[in-house]
Amino acid sequence: MKLFCVFYILAALSLPGISKAADATNSTDTASLDPAHLTATAPETFRVLFKTTKGDFQVEVTRSLAPNGADRFYNLVRSGYFTDVAFFRVVPGFMCQFGIHGDPSVSGKWRDANIMDDPVKGSNTRGAITFATAGPNTRTTQLFINYGNNSGLDGQGFAPFGKVIQGMDVVDKLYSEYGDGAPYGHGPDQNRVQMEGNAYLKKDFPNLDYIKSASLVIYTPPAVK
């Protein structure tokens, strides 16, 4: 299970002005969500607007921080992968996790589509977005946004590739009453999410928040002087 062993250990130790978003390649056609065809190189800097059931937030990605992670995220966004994807694990003060597709036939395609690790150049501070992992070179589609300063993850290979630049208050409000997954909380079982998708989540965890869409944002990066 992605991220679980490390996060459990750590847990025991302890919008206005959003730019217009447009991406003609976004699609909800599951036939287009094939990892073998989603391998484009991301721009050096890009932004993504997430529309969720709690409101909107925006992420800025810096590819140089983690090129493999940034490229995977870019391709997931462009394909429309995140539409109707749940924030299935929300732990206040720690992080919110998402990225398992609601259609098991899609999540099955991505389960073994691992990308190579990136050296950790950033830090898992508040608002940083990072891929979850089950060990070396196992990143696929699951991500988390840090609620607090989780810099202890930096030395364990969790490489941030961007950060929330607008709407962190929305991220803070994502439904969290279910807490962590069993046995540390009453949240969803990741294996069942993988196998049963949103049918399981919407039946047994009806209050979870979801991503309505994630789209590339049209903006002009600042000039390099």
C-alpha atoms as a PDB file:
ATOM      1  CA  MET A   1       0.000   0.000   0.000  1.00  0.00           C
ATOM      2  CA  LYS A   2       1.388   3.333  -1.021  1.00  0.00           C
ATOM      3  CA  LEU A   3       2.954   5.458   1.709  1.00  0.00           C
ATOM      4  CA  PHE A   4       1.392   3.520   4.555  1.00  0.00           C
ATOM      5  CA  CYS A   5       4.336   2.036   6.417  1.00  0.00           C
ATOM      6  CA  VAL A   6       6.259   5.315   6.606  1.00  0.00           C
ATOM      7  CA  PHE A   7       3.251   7.444   7.428  1.00  0.00           C
ATOM      8  CA  TYR A   8       2.061   5.153  10.189  1.00  0.00           C
ATOM      9  CA  ILE A   9       5.453   5.364  11.865  1.00  0.00           C
ATOM     10  CA  LEU A  10       5.480   9.160  11.637  1.00  0.00           C
ATOM     11  CA  ALA A  11       1.915   9.425  12.860  1.00  0.00           C
ATOM     12  CA  ALA A  12       2.760   7.320  15.878  1.00  0.00           C
ATOM     13  CA  LEU A  13       5.615   9.714  16.711  1.00  0.00           C
ATOM     14  CA  SER A  14       3.801  12.422  17.068  1.00  0.00           C
ATOM     15  CA  LEU A  15      -9.116  31.480  -4.472  1.00  0.00           C
ATOM     16  CA  PRO A  16      -9.236  34.208  -5.409  1.00  0.00           C
ATOM     17  CA  GLY A  17      -7.297  35.183  -8.534  1.00  0.00           C
ATOM     18  CA  ILE A  18      -6.920  31.720 -10.037  1.00  0.00           C
ATOM     19  CA  SER A  19      -6.080  31.986 -13.736  1.00  0.00           C
ATOM     20  CA  LYS A  20      -8.272  30.617 -16.467  1.00  0.00           C
ATOM     21  CA  ALA A  21      -7.603  26.928 -17.067  1.00  0.00           C
ATOM     22  CA  ALA A  22      -7.722  25.248 -20.446  1.00  0.00           C
ATOM     23  CA  ASP A  23      -6.421  21.960 -21.760  1.00  0.00           C
ATOM     24  CA  ALA A  24      -7.836  20.613 -24.989  1.00  0.00           C
ATOM     25  CA  THR A  25      -6.359  17.180 -24.346  1.00  0.00           C
ATOM     26  CA  ASN A  26      -8.265  16.579 -21.086  1.00  0.00           C
ATOM     27  CA  SER A  27     -10.582  13.605 -21.503  1.00  0.00           C
ATOM     28  CA  THR A  28     -12.731  11.328 -19.408  1.00  0.00           C
ATOM     29  CA  ASP A  29     -12.535   8.562 -22.026  1.00  0.00           C
ATOM     30  CA  THR A  30     -11.022   5.678 -20.059  1.00  0.00           C
ATOM     31  CA  ALA A  31      -9.685   4.143 -23.279  1.00  0.00           C
ATOM     32  CA  SER A  32      -7.248   7.071 -23.509  1.00  0.00           C
ATOM     33  CA  LEU A  33      -5.849   6.447 -20.013  1.00  0.00           C
ATOM     34  CA  ASP A  34      -3.148   4.030 -21.139  1.00  0.00           C
ATOM     35  CA  PRO A  35       0.224   4.645 -19.434  1.00  0.00           C
ATOM     36  CA  ALA A  36       2.090   3.356 -22.471  1.00  0.00           C
ATOM     37  CA  HIS A  37       0.885   6.374 -24.472  1.00  0.00           C
ATOM     38  CA  LEU A  38       1.196   9.019 -21.762  1.00  0.00           C
ATOM     39  CA  THR A  39       4.910   9.739 -21.734  1.00  0.00           C
ATOM     40  CA  ALA A  40       5.254  13.389 -22.806  1.00  0.00           C
ATOM     41  CA  THR A  41       7.920  15.567 -21.223  1.00  0.00           C
ATOM     42  CA  ALA A  42       6.469  18.294 -19.021  1.00  0.00           C
ATOM     43  CA  PRO A  43       7.320  21.997 -19.365  1.00  0.00           C
ATOM     44  CA  GLU A  44       9.943  23.274 -16.960  1.00  0.00           C
ATOM     45  CA  THR A  45       7.189  25.067 -15.025  1.00  0.00           C
ATOM     46  CA  PHE A  46       3.446  24.606 -15.241  1.00  0.00           C
ATOM     47  CA  ARG A  47       0.318  25.099 -13.152  1.00  0.00           C
ATOM     48  CA  VAL A  48      -2.711  22.916 -12.589  1.00  0.00           C
ATOM     49  CA  LEU A  49      -6.145  24.013 -11.419  1.00  0.00           C
ATOM     50  CA  PHE A  50      -7.996  21.440  -9.336  1.00  0.00           C
ATOM     51  CA  LYS A  51     -11.749  21.864  -9.066  1.00  0.00           C
ATOM     52  CA  THR A  52     -13.054  19.835  -6.133  1.00  0.00           C
ATOM     53  CA  THR A  53     -16.236  19.286  -4.188  1.00  0.00           C
ATOM     54  CA  LYS A  54     -14.836  21.701  -1.576  1.00  0.00           C
ATOM     55  CA  GLY A  55     -13.668  24.402  -3.985  1.00  0.00           C
ATOM     56  CA  ASP A  56     -10.663  25.159  -6.170  1.00  0.00           C
ATOM     57  CA  PHE A  57      -6.943  25.111  -5.560  1.00  0.00           C
ATOM     58  CA  GLN A  58      -3.937  25.564  -7.794  1.00  0.00           C
ATOM     59  CA  VAL A  59      -0.591  23.763  -7.895  1.00  0.00           C
ATOM     60  CA  GLU A  60       2.630  25.026  -9.447  1.00  0.00           C
ATOM     61  CA  VAL A  61       5.109  22.410 -10.642  1.00  0.00           C
ATOM     62  CA  THR A  62       8.850  22.901 -11.053  1.00  0.00           C
ATOM     63  CA  ARG A  63      10.127  20.057 -13.183  1.00  0.00           C
ATOM     64  CA  SER A  64      13.752  20.388 -12.047  1.00  0.00           C
ATOM     65  CA  LEU A  65      12.729  19.392  -8.521  1.00  0.00           C
ATOM     66  CA  ALA A  66      11.729  15.883  -9.630  1.00  0.00           C
ATOM     67  CA  PRO A  67      11.634  15.406 -13.427  1.00  0.00           C
ATOM     68  CA  ASN A  68      10.160  11.905 -13.481  1.00  0.00           C
ATOM     69  CA  GLY A  69       7.453  12.832 -11.001  1.00  0.00           C
ATOM     70  CA  ALA A  70       6.628  16.067 -12.813  1.00  0.00           C
ATOM     71  CA  ASP A  71       6.355  14.273 -16.156  1.00  0.00           C
ATOM     72  CA  ARG A  72       4.014  11.630 -14.747  1.00  0.00           C
ATOM     73  CA  PHE A  73       1.817  14.255 -13.067  1.00  0.00           C
ATOM     74  CA  TYR A  74       1.705  16.312 -16.291  1.00  0.00           C
ATOM     75  CA  ASN A  75       0.535  13.325 -18.321  1.00  0.00           C
ATOM     76  CA  LEU A  76      -2.081  12.328 -15.758  1.00  0.00           C
ATOM     77  CA  VAL A  77      -3.513  15.848 -15.807  1.00  0.00           C
ATOM     78  CA  ARG A  78      -3.519  16.115 -19.604  1.00  0.00           C
ATOM     79  CA  SER A  79      -5.318  12.792 -19.950  1.00  0.00           C
ATOM     80  CA  GLY A  80      -8.111  13.766 -17.571  1.00  0.00           C
ATOM     81  CA  TYR A  81      -7.109  10.992 -15.181  1.00  0.00           C
ATOM     82  CA  PHE A  82      -8.078  12.863 -12.006  1.00  0.00           C
ATOM     83  CA  THR A  83     -11.749  13.398 -12.884  1.00  0.00           C
ATOM     84  CA  ASP A  84     -13.936  12.018 -10.066  1.00  0.00           C
ATOM     85  CA  VAL A  85     -10.908  10.803  -8.089  1.00  0.00           C
ATOM     86  CA  ALA A  86     -11.374  10.785  -4.299  1.00  0.00           C
ATOM     87  CA  PHE A  87      -9.292  12.254  -1.515  1.00  0.00           C
ATOM     88  CA  PHE A  88      -9.518   8.878   0.175  1.00  0.00           C
ATOM     89  CA  ARG A  89      -7.045   9.410   3.007  1.00  0.00           C
ATOM     90  CA  VAL A  90      -7.100  12.727   4.850  1.00  0.00           C
ATOM     91  CA  VAL A  91      -5.161  13.022   8.109  1.00  0.00           C
ATOM     92  CA  PRO A  92      -5.386  16.502   9.684  1.00  0.00           C
ATOM     93  CA  GLY A  93      -2.031  18.075  10.414  1.00  0.00           C
ATOM     94  CA  PHE A  94      -0.290  15.501   8.251  1.00  0.00           C
ATOM     95  CA  MET A  95      -1.439  15.105   4.634  1.00  0.00           C
ATOM     96  CA  CYS A  96      -4.252  14.300   2.198  1.00  0.00           C
ATOM     97  CA  GLN A  97      -3.781  11.448  -0.258  1.00  0.00           C
ATOM     98  CA  PHE A  98      -5.434  10.807  -3.633  1.00  0.00           C
ATOM     99  CA  GLY A  99      -4.788   9.294  -7.045  1.00  0.00           C
ATOM    100  CA  ILE A 100      -6.472   5.882  -7.218  1.00  0.00           C
ATOM    101  CA  HIS A 101      -8.819   6.023 -10.202  1.00  0.00           C
ATOM    102  CA  GLY A 102     -12.503   5.461  -9.558  1.00  0.00           C
ATOM    103  CA  ASP A 103     -12.739   2.870 -12.343  1.00  0.00           C
ATOM    104  CA  PRO A 104     -10.894  -0.349 -11.348  1.00  0.00           C
ATOM    105  CA  SER A 105     -10.216  -1.175 -14.995  1.00  0.00           C
ATOM    106  CA  VAL A 106      -8.211   2.056 -15.224  1.00  0.00           C
ATOM    107  CA  SER A 107      -6.417   1.758 -11.891  1.00  0.00           C
ATOM    108  CA  GLY A 108      -5.435  -1.768 -12.905  1.00  0.00           C
ATOM    109  CA  LYS A 109      -3.599  -0.434 -15.960  1.00  0.00           C
ATOM    110  CA  TRP A 110      -1.569   1.941 -13.819  1.00  0.00           C
ATOM    111  CA  ARG A 111      -0.851  -0.312 -10.843  1.00  0.00           C
ATOM    112  CA  ASP A 112       2.482  -1.509 -12.233  1.00  0.00           C
ATOM    113  CA  ALA A 113       3.300   1.551 -14.358  1.00  0.00           C
ATOM    114  CA  ASN A 114       6.124   2.530 -12.028  1.00  0.00           C
ATOM    115  CA  ILE A 115       8.466   5.438 -12.608  1.00  0.00           C
ATOM    116  CA  MET A 116      12.050   5.671 -11.433  1.00  0.00           C
ATOM    117  CA  ASP A 117      12.818   7.596  -8.285  1.00  0.00           C
ATOM    118  CA  ASP A 118      14.037  11.176  -8.402  1.00  0.00           C
ATOM    119  CA  PRO A 119      16.695  12.555  -6.061  1.00  0.00           C
ATOM    120  CA  VAL A 120      15.019  14.604  -3.328  1.00  0.00           C
ATOM    121  CA  LYS A 121      15.754  18.263  -4.019  1.00  0.00           C
ATOM    122  CA  GLY A 122      12.753  19.908  -2.339  1.00  0.00           C
ATOM    123  CA  SER A 123      11.196  19.413   1.077  1.00  0.00           C
ATOM    124  CA  ASN A 124       7.853  18.067   2.269  1.00  0.00           C
ATOM    125  CA  THR A 125       6.762  21.313   3.874  1.00  0.00           C
ATOM    126  CA  ARG A 126       3.194  22.601   4.078  1.00  0.00           C
ATOM    127  CA  GLY A 127       1.560  22.664   0.641  1.00  0.00           C
ATOM    128  CA  ALA A 128       4.198  20.544  -1.112  1.00  0.00           C
ATOM    129  CA  ILE A 129       2.823  17.861  -3.461  1.00  0.00           C
ATOM    130  CA  THR A 130       4.622  14.532  -3.670  1.00  0.00           C
ATOM    131  CA  PHE A 131       4.088  11.040  -5.049  1.00  0.00           C
ATOM    132  CA  ALA A 132       3.322   8.275  -2.588  1.00  0.00           C
ATOM    133  CA  THR A 133       5.487   5.197  -2.770  1.00  0.00           C
ATOM    134  CA  ALA A 134       5.615   1.596  -1.576  1.00  0.00           C
ATOM    135  CA  GLY A 135       9.415   1.440  -1.808  1.00  0.00           C
ATOM    136  CA  PRO A 136      12.157   2.277  -4.315  1.00  0.00           C
ATOM    137  CA  ASN A 137      10.971   3.002  -7.866  1.00  0.00           C
ATOM    138  CA  THR A 138       7.276   2.299  -7.159  1.00  0.00           C
ATOM    139  CA  ARG A 139       5.616   5.651  -7.863  1.00  0.00           C
ATOM    140  CA  THR A 140       2.528   5.355 -10.066  1.00  0.00           C
ATOM    141  CA  THR A 141      -0.512   7.650  -9.634  1.00  0.00           C
ATOM    142  CA  GLN A 142      -0.981   8.235  -5.916  1.00  0.00           C
ATOM    143  CA  LEU A 143      -0.016  11.618  -4.517  1.00  0.00           C
ATOM    144  CA  PHE A 144      -0.259  13.538  -1.289  1.00  0.00           C
ATOM    145  CA  ILE A 145      -0.308  17.180  -0.269  1.00  0.00           C
ATOM    146  CA  ASN A 146       1.433  18.000   2.977  1.00  0.00           C
ATOM    147  CA  TYR A 147      -0.600  19.750   5.659  1.00  0.00           C
ATOM    148  CA  GLY A 148       2.320  20.360   7.991  1.00  0.00           C
ATOM    149  CA  ASN A 149       6.093  20.314   7.958  1.00  0.00           C
ATOM    150  CA  ASN A 150       6.832  16.694   7.085  1.00  0.00           C
ATOM    151  CA  SER A 151      10.493  17.230   6.277  1.00  0.00           C
ATOM    152  CA  GLY A 152      11.221  13.915   7.967  1.00  0.00           C
ATOM    153  CA  LEU A 153      10.011  12.320   4.740  1.00  0.00           C
ATOM    154  CA  ASP A 154      12.747  13.995   2.709  1.00  0.00           C
ATOM    155  CA  GLY A 155      15.407  11.527   3.804  1.00  0.00           C
ATOM    156  CA  GLN A 156      13.148   8.596   2.983  1.00  0.00           C
ATOM    157  CA  GLY A 157      12.957   9.299  -0.738  1.00  0.00           C
ATOM    158  CA  PHE A 158       9.714  11.293  -0.993  1.00  0.00           C
ATOM    159  CA  ALA A 159      10.550  13.882  -3.659  1.00  0.00           C
ATOM    160  CA  PRO A 160       8.191  16.902  -3.933  1.00  0.00           C
ATOM    161  CA  PHE A 161       7.756  18.300  -7.433  1.00  0.00           C
ATOM    162  CA  GLY A 162       5.504  21.297  -6.747  1.00  0.00           C
ATOM    163  CA  LYS A 163       3.370  23.117  -4.235  1.00  0.00           C
ATOM    164  CA  VAL A 164      -0.087  24.545  -3.698  1.00  0.00           C
ATOM    165  CA  ILE A 165       0.121  28.238  -4.535  1.00  0.00           C
ATOM    166  CA  GLN A 166      -3.576  29.169  -4.217  1.00  0.00           C
ATOM    167  CA  GLY A 167      -6.428  27.605  -2.297  1.00  0.00           C
ATOM    168  CA  MET A 168      -4.578  25.813   0.500  1.00  0.00           C
ATOM    169  CA  ASP A 169      -7.543  26.743   2.687  1.00  0.00           C
ATOM    170  CA  VAL A 170      -9.652  24.524   0.400  1.00  0.00           C
ATOM    171  CA  VAL A 171      -7.208  21.640   0.833  1.00  0.00           C
ATOM    172  CA  ASP A 172      -7.422  22.132   4.602  1.00  0.00           C
ATOM    173  CA  LYS A 173     -11.205  21.695   4.466  1.00  0.00           C
ATOM    174  CA  LEU A 174     -11.254  18.318   2.694  1.00  0.00           C
ATOM    175  CA  TYR A 175     -13.395  15.834   4.619  1.00  0.00           C
ATOM    176  CA  SER A 176     -11.220  14.162   7.251  1.00  0.00           C
ATOM    177  CA  GLU A 177     -13.564  12.547   9.773  1.00  0.00           C
ATOM    178  CA  TYR A 178     -12.826   9.022   8.515  1.00  0.00           C
ATOM    179  CA  GLY A 179      -9.143   9.557   9.266  1.00  0.00           C
ATOM    180  CA  ASP A 180      -6.508   7.031   8.337  1.00  0.00           C
ATOM    181  CA  GLY A 181      -7.142   3.549   7.042  1.00  0.00           C
ATOM    182  CA  ALA A 182      -7.576   0.613   9.393  1.00  0.00           C
ATOM    183  CA  PRO A 183      -6.273  -0.180  11.935  1.00  0.00           C
ATOM    184  CA  TYR A 184      -5.219   3.425  12.641  1.00  0.00           C
ATOM    185  CA  GLY A 185      -8.507   5.006  11.630  1.00  0.00           C
ATOM    186  CA  HIS A 186     -11.869   4.346  10.060  1.00  0.00           C
ATOM    187  CA  GLY A 187     -10.925   5.265   6.508  1.00  0.00           C
ATOM    188  CA  PRO A 188     -11.036   3.250   3.292  1.00  0.00           C
ATOM    189  CA  ASP A 189      -8.995   0.131   2.655  1.00  0.00           C
ATOM    190  CA  GLN A 190      -6.598   0.897  -0.207  1.00  0.00           C
ATOM    191  CA  ASN A 191      -6.825  -2.615  -1.631  1.00  0.00           C
ATOM    192  CA  ARG A 192     -10.594  -2.323  -1.879  1.00  0.00           C
ATOM    193  CA  VAL A 193     -10.295   1.096  -3.484  1.00  0.00           C
ATOM    194  CA  GLN A 194      -8.026  -0.446  -6.113  1.00  0.00           C
ATOM    195  CA  MET A 195     -10.315  -3.415  -6.724  1.00  0.00           C
ATOM    196  CA  GLU A 196     -13.757  -1.787  -6.355  1.00  0.00           C
ATOM    197  CA  GLY A 197     -13.131   1.889  -7.079  1.00  0.00           C
ATOM    198  CA  ASN A 198     -15.674   4.616  -6.447  1.00  0.00           C
ATOM    199  CA  ALA A 199     -18.520   2.140  -6.038  1.00  0.00           C
ATOM    200  CA  TYR A 200     -16.927   1.100  -2.733  1.00  0.00           C
ATOM    201  CA  LEU A 201     -16.029   4.624  -1.671  1.00  0.00           C
ATOM    202  CA  LYS A 202     -19.398   6.207  -2.425  1.00  0.00           C
ATOM    203  CA  LYS A 203     -21.282   3.412  -0.686  1.00  0.00           C
ATOM    204  CA  ASP A 204     -19.189   3.064   2.474  1.00  0.00           C
ATOM    205  CA  PHE A 205     -17.619   6.535   2.732  1.00  0.00           C
ATOM    206  CA  PRO A 206     -20.249   8.905   1.305  1.00  0.00           C
ATOM    207  CA  ASN A 207     -18.765  12.093   2.761  1.00  0.00           C
ATOM    208  CA  LEU A 208     -15.401  11.967   1.016  1.00  0.00           C
ATOM    209  CA  ASP A 209     -14.443  14.877  -1.204  1.00  0.00           C
ATOM    210  CA  TYR A 210     -13.594  14.393  -4.878  1.00  0.00           C
ATOM    211  CA  ILE A 211     -11.719  16.071  -7.691  1.00  0.00           C
ATOM    212  CA  LYS A 212     -14.169  17.303 -10.315  1.00  0.00           C
ATOM    213  CA  SER A 213     -11.423  18.156 -12.788  1.00  0.00           C
ATOM    214  CA  ALA A 214      -7.727  18.957 -13.017  1.00  0.00           C
ATOM    215  CA  SER A 215      -6.611  21.172 -15.908  1.00  0.00           C
ATOM    216  CA  LEU A 216      -3.456  22.865 -17.081  1.00  0.00           C
ATOM    217  CA  VAL A 217      -3.529  26.608 -16.491  1.00  0.00           C
ATOM    218  CA  ILE A 218      -2.630  29.141 -19.157  1.00  0.00           C
ATOM    219  CA  TYR A 219      -0.137  31.586 -17.684  1.00  0.00           C
ATOM    220  CA  THR A 220       3.155  33.247 -18.549  1.00  0.00           C
ATOM    221  CA  PRO A 221       6.088  32.218 -16.354  1.00  0.00           C
ATOM    222  CA  PRO A 222       8.238  35.111 -15.119  1.00  0.00           C
ATOM    223  CA  ALA A 223      11.189  35.988 -17.330  1.00  0.00           C
ATOM    224  CA  VAL A 224      14.573  34.683 -16.235  1.00  0.00           C
ATOM    225  CA  LYS A 225      16.974  37.570 -15.619  1.00  0.00           C
END
